[in-house]
């Protein structure tokens, strides 16, 4: 696979940044329904949501720095 140009790296990062709000809303709705059904607690909801947000930020930084094969 060829090396990505800086513009391609920035476009990947922008795509992740644009998709983040929709992902947060969708995941929150799913987890909220699980909390209402009594399957998980509010603390679990918060932990999962923060883990997903953190992973998105990790992917953004990884794409900008271009160290794709090292992680």
N, C-alpha and C. Protein backbone atom coordinates (compact mmCIF):
# COMPACT_ATOMS: atom_id res chain seq x y z
N UNK A 1 0.84 -1.17 0.00
CA UNK A 1 0.00 0.00 0.00
C UNK A 1 0.89 1.24 0.00
N UNK A 2 0.54 2.21 -0.81
CA UNK A 2 1.36 3.41 -0.93
C UNK A 2 1.17 4.33 0.28
N UNK A 3 2.17 5.17 0.47
CA UNK A 3 2.13 6.14 1.57
C UNK A 3 1.10 7.21 1.25
N UNK A 4 0.33 7.59 2.27
CA UNK A 4 -0.69 8.61 2.09
C UNK A 4 -0.06 9.99 2.09
N UNK A 5 -0.61 10.86 1.25
CA UNK A 5 -0.13 12.24 1.22
C UNK A 5 -0.69 12.99 2.43
N UNK A 6 -0.12 14.14 2.77
CA UNK A 6 -0.65 14.91 3.91
C UNK A 6 -2.11 15.31 3.73
N UNK A 7 -2.52 15.56 2.49
CA UNK A 7 -3.93 15.92 2.24
C UNK A 7 -4.83 14.72 2.53
N UNK A 8 -4.42 13.52 2.12
CA UNK A 8 -5.22 12.33 2.38
C UNK A 8 -5.32 12.05 3.88
N UNK A 9 -4.21 12.26 4.60
CA UNK A 9 -4.24 12.07 6.05
C UNK A 9 -5.20 13.05 6.71
N UNK A 10 -5.17 14.31 6.24
CA UNK A 10 -6.05 15.31 6.80
C UNK A 10 -7.51 15.00 6.49
N UNK A 11 -7.78 14.48 5.28
CA UNK A 11 -9.15 14.13 4.92
C UNK A 11 -9.67 12.97 5.77
N UNK A 12 -8.82 12.00 6.06
CA UNK A 12 -9.22 10.90 6.95
C UNK A 12 -9.56 11.44 8.34
N UNK A 13 -8.74 12.35 8.82
CA UNK A 13 -8.98 12.93 10.14
C UNK A 13 -10.25 13.76 10.15
N UNK A 14 -10.48 14.52 9.09
CA UNK A 14 -11.71 15.32 9.00
C UNK A 14 -12.94 14.42 8.94
N UNK A 15 -12.84 13.30 8.23
CA UNK A 15 -13.94 12.35 8.17
C UNK A 15 -14.28 11.79 9.54
N UNK A 16 -13.25 11.47 10.31
CA UNK A 16 -13.49 10.99 11.68
C UNK A 16 -14.11 12.07 12.54
N UNK A 17 -13.62 13.31 12.39
CA UNK A 17 -14.14 14.41 13.19
C UNK A 17 -15.59 14.71 12.86
N UNK A 18 -15.96 14.61 11.58
CA UNK A 18 -17.34 14.87 11.18
C UNK A 18 -18.25 13.73 11.65
N UNK A 19 -17.76 12.50 11.67
CA UNK A 19 -18.57 11.37 12.09
C UNK A 19 -18.71 11.22 13.59
N UNK A 20 -17.87 11.89 14.35
CA UNK A 20 -17.88 11.74 15.81
C UNK A 20 -19.21 12.13 16.46
N UNK A 21 -19.82 13.28 16.15
CA UNK A 21 -21.08 13.63 16.82
C UNK A 21 -22.20 12.62 16.56
N UNK A 22 -22.31 12.15 15.33
CA UNK A 22 -23.33 11.16 15.01
C UNK A 22 -23.11 9.85 15.74
N UNK A 23 -21.85 9.47 15.86
CA UNK A 23 -21.52 8.24 16.57
C UNK A 23 -21.86 8.38 18.05
N UNK A 24 -21.55 9.53 18.63
CA UNK A 24 -21.86 9.75 20.05
C UNK A 24 -23.36 9.66 20.29
N UNK A 25 -24.14 10.30 19.43
CA UNK A 25 -25.61 10.28 19.60
C UNK A 25 -26.15 8.87 19.43
N UNK A 26 -25.69 8.16 18.41
CA UNK A 26 -26.18 6.80 18.17
C UNK A 26 -25.83 5.84 19.29
N UNK A 27 -24.58 5.89 19.74
CA UNK A 27 -24.14 5.00 20.82
C UNK A 27 -24.86 5.35 22.12
N UNK A 28 -25.03 6.65 22.37
CA UNK A 28 -25.73 7.05 23.60
C UNK A 28 -27.17 6.54 23.59
N UNK A 29 -27.84 6.64 22.45
CA UNK A 29 -29.23 6.16 22.37
C UNK A 29 -29.29 4.66 22.64
N UNK A 30 -28.38 3.91 22.05
CA UNK A 30 -28.35 2.46 22.27
C UNK A 30 -28.07 2.13 23.74
N UNK A 31 -27.05 2.78 24.30
CA UNK A 31 -26.71 2.50 25.69
C UNK A 31 -27.79 2.98 26.66
N UNK A 32 -28.43 4.09 26.34
CA UNK A 32 -29.51 4.59 27.19
C UNK A 32 -30.66 3.60 27.23
N UNK A 33 -30.97 2.98 26.08
CA UNK A 33 -32.03 1.97 26.08
C UNK A 33 -31.63 0.76 26.92
N UNK A 34 -30.34 0.42 26.95
CA UNK A 34 -29.88 -0.68 27.80
C UNK A 34 -29.96 -0.31 29.28
N UNK A 35 -29.68 0.95 29.60
CA UNK A 35 -29.80 1.40 30.99
C UNK A 35 -31.27 1.35 31.42
N UNK A 36 -32.16 1.82 30.57
CA UNK A 36 -33.59 1.81 30.89
C UNK A 36 -34.12 0.39 31.08
N UNK A 37 -33.57 -0.56 30.33
CA UNK A 37 -33.99 -1.95 30.47
C UNK A 37 -33.34 -2.63 31.68
N UNK A 38 -32.36 -1.96 32.29
CA UNK A 38 -31.72 -2.51 33.48
C UNK A 38 -30.56 -3.45 33.20
N UNK A 39 -30.06 -3.47 31.97
CA UNK A 39 -28.97 -4.38 31.63
C UNK A 39 -27.60 -3.84 32.03
N UNK A 40 -27.42 -2.50 31.97
CA UNK A 40 -26.16 -1.90 32.38
C UNK A 40 -26.46 -0.70 33.28
N UNK A 41 -25.43 -0.24 33.99
CA UNK A 41 -25.59 0.90 34.89
C UNK A 41 -25.18 2.19 34.17
N UNK A 42 -25.47 3.33 34.83
CA UNK A 42 -25.07 4.62 34.27
C UNK A 42 -23.56 4.74 34.21
N UNK A 43 -22.87 4.19 35.20
CA UNK A 43 -21.41 4.23 35.18
C UNK A 43 -20.84 3.46 33.99
N UNK A 44 -21.46 2.34 33.67
CA UNK A 44 -21.03 1.56 32.51
C UNK A 44 -21.28 2.34 31.23
N UNK A 45 -22.42 3.01 31.14
CA UNK A 45 -22.74 3.84 29.98
C UNK A 45 -21.67 4.91 29.79
N UNK A 46 -21.32 5.59 30.87
CA UNK A 46 -20.32 6.65 30.80
C UNK A 46 -18.96 6.09 30.40
N UNK A 47 -18.59 4.96 30.97
CA UNK A 47 -17.30 4.35 30.64
C UNK A 47 -17.20 3.95 29.17
N UNK A 48 -18.24 3.32 28.65
CA UNK A 48 -18.23 2.90 27.25
C UNK A 48 -18.21 4.11 26.33
N UNK A 49 -19.00 5.12 26.64
CA UNK A 49 -19.05 6.33 25.82
C UNK A 49 -17.70 7.04 25.81
N UNK A 50 -17.07 7.17 26.96
CA UNK A 50 -15.75 7.80 27.02
C UNK A 50 -14.69 6.98 26.29
N UNK A 51 -14.79 5.66 26.35
CA UNK A 51 -13.84 4.81 25.64
C UNK A 51 -13.98 4.99 24.13
N UNK A 52 -15.20 5.09 23.64
CA UNK A 52 -15.42 5.29 22.20
C UNK A 52 -14.90 6.66 21.76
N UNK A 53 -15.17 7.69 22.54
CA UNK A 53 -14.68 9.03 22.21
C UNK A 53 -13.16 9.05 22.23
N UNK A 54 -12.56 8.43 23.23
CA UNK A 54 -11.11 8.35 23.30
C UNK A 54 -10.50 7.62 22.12
N UNK A 55 -11.16 6.55 21.68
CA UNK A 55 -10.67 5.80 20.53
C UNK A 55 -10.74 6.63 19.26
N UNK A 56 -11.82 7.40 19.10
CA UNK A 56 -11.92 8.29 17.94
C UNK A 56 -10.78 9.30 17.93
N UNK A 57 -10.49 9.90 19.08
CA UNK A 57 -9.39 10.86 19.15
C UNK A 57 -8.05 10.18 18.87
N UNK A 58 -7.87 8.97 19.37
CA UNK A 58 -6.66 8.21 19.09
C UNK A 58 -6.50 7.98 17.59
N UNK A 59 -7.59 7.60 16.90
CA UNK A 59 -7.52 7.39 15.46
C UNK A 59 -7.19 8.68 14.72
N UNK A 60 -7.75 9.80 15.18
CA UNK A 60 -7.45 11.07 14.54
C UNK A 60 -5.97 11.42 14.65
N UNK A 61 -5.42 11.27 15.83
CA UNK A 61 -4.00 11.58 16.04
C UNK A 61 -3.13 10.61 15.25
N UNK A 62 -3.48 9.35 15.25
CA UNK A 62 -2.71 8.35 14.52
C UNK A 62 -2.70 8.65 13.02
N UNK A 63 -3.82 9.06 12.46
CA UNK A 63 -3.87 9.37 11.05
C UNK A 63 -3.08 10.61 10.70
N UNK A 64 -3.11 11.61 11.56
CA UNK A 64 -2.37 12.83 11.28
C UNK A 64 -0.87 12.58 11.36
N UNK A 65 -0.43 11.83 12.35
CA UNK A 65 1.00 11.57 12.49
C UNK A 65 1.53 10.58 11.46
N UNK A 66 0.65 9.73 10.94
CA UNK A 66 1.06 8.81 9.89
C UNK A 66 1.80 7.59 10.36
N UNK A 67 1.69 7.24 11.61
CA UNK A 67 2.37 6.06 12.14
C UNK A 67 1.40 4.87 12.14
N UNK A 68 0.82 4.62 11.01
CA UNK A 68 -0.25 3.62 10.90
C UNK A 68 0.25 2.20 11.21
N UNK A 69 1.44 1.84 10.77
CA UNK A 69 1.93 0.48 10.95
C UNK A 69 2.52 0.22 12.32
N UNK A 70 2.79 1.25 13.09
CA UNK A 70 3.45 1.07 14.38
C UNK A 70 2.50 0.78 15.52
N UNK A 71 1.18 0.95 15.34
CA UNK A 71 0.23 0.71 16.42
C UNK A 71 -0.55 -0.52 16.16
